[in-house]
Amino acid sequence: MGSAVTHAPAMEGLTDSGPRHGPVKAPRPAALKRRSRRENLAGYLFMSPWIAGFLLLTAGPMVASLYFAFTDYNLFDAPRWIGLDNFSEMFGDPRWRHSVRITLWYVVVGTPIKLIAALGVALLLAQKRRGQAFYRAAFYAPSLIGASVSVAIVWKAIFSDDAVVDRTQQFFGIDAGGWTGDPELIIYSLVALTVWQFGAPMVIFLAGLKQVPRELYEAADVDGAGKLRQFWNITLPMISPVLFFNVLLETIHSFQIFSSAYIVGGGAGGNACGPADGTMVYTCYLYVQGFENSRMGLASAMAWMLLVAVALVTAVLFWSQKRWVHYEEGGR
């Protein structure tokens, strides 16, 4: 009988001339933990400037102001705990109630007019025309410079007695005088200033209008829908998330108005918030109490009341969006 030839089992991936290939070993858990710690450390190092700024310039002052809101503090003496006395005094102050009314009037009147102007110009600029880029930049420019002190000074001069606005009124037979000297008209100059700064919401509206499918308008044209019906049934529902964002942002900004009201109203010198408190918005009265009357405890209480009010308005807007904001997936 011939001898049987036996062969050793070949090992997979092993040859005489080539390298040995085996399964790749998974990293050990300890190595993964060390790598994760190094990556987290690098992330925290990059975030450390922001974290330090937030703690020192935002969170720390907020906590301190919350404490000062319950104290009698004048920036020079040590704060003295008085409980809720600042809040009770604030609610009983007629000038504080007047500042609340002025601010609410400014928010309710100025914000819608600004958004209507922004949406109207955005609809015009969404159409293809020559010089479109120039017009967009020109309409956006006031938003960049509108909040500056220099623009507020110029605005005050424009609405002063015998200035441009006054002379224009006289040309049309209206003898109303300058707006900045009239307690009833000076607030309208602030509304005009905020409406003039419609560039930022306009750009956001433009971005939203670009996302509306053209097929919807083409189908509406086939059905015989006019431009007004297309705007109401197509444009507004499709840009409702953008509209909600602009309403929310501009409402918060309106509650925070200060520099233009302070400068147009007259600034320091006994008339800080306009003639007969005509521009006595909430933040202006807060400034008067905190820095002119050196009542930082009361000013802190006012600041926290403003924060609570803005938070409540924001909550109401978020609650209401379920009824009028439409999203692409069909939800509201």
Foldseek 3Di string as FASTA:
>chain_A
DDDDDDDDDDDPQDDDPDDRDDDDDDDDPVVVVVVVVVVVVVVCVVCVVVVVCCVPPPVVVLVVLVQLLQWFFQPPDDTHGNGCPLVVVLVVDPLNVVQAVLLVVCLVPLLVLLLVLLLVVLVVLLDDDPPSVVVLCVQQVCLVPLPDLVNLLVLLQCQAFPHVVCVVCVVVPHRPGGQQQDLVRLSVSVSVSSSSNSSVLSVLLNVQQVPQDVVVVVVCVVVVDDPVCCCVPGVCQSCVVSVLVSSLVVSLVSLVDDSSQQVSQPHDDPRRRHDVNSRSHLVSVLCCVCPVVSRSNSSSNSVVVSVVVSVVVNVVSVVCCQPRHADPVGGD
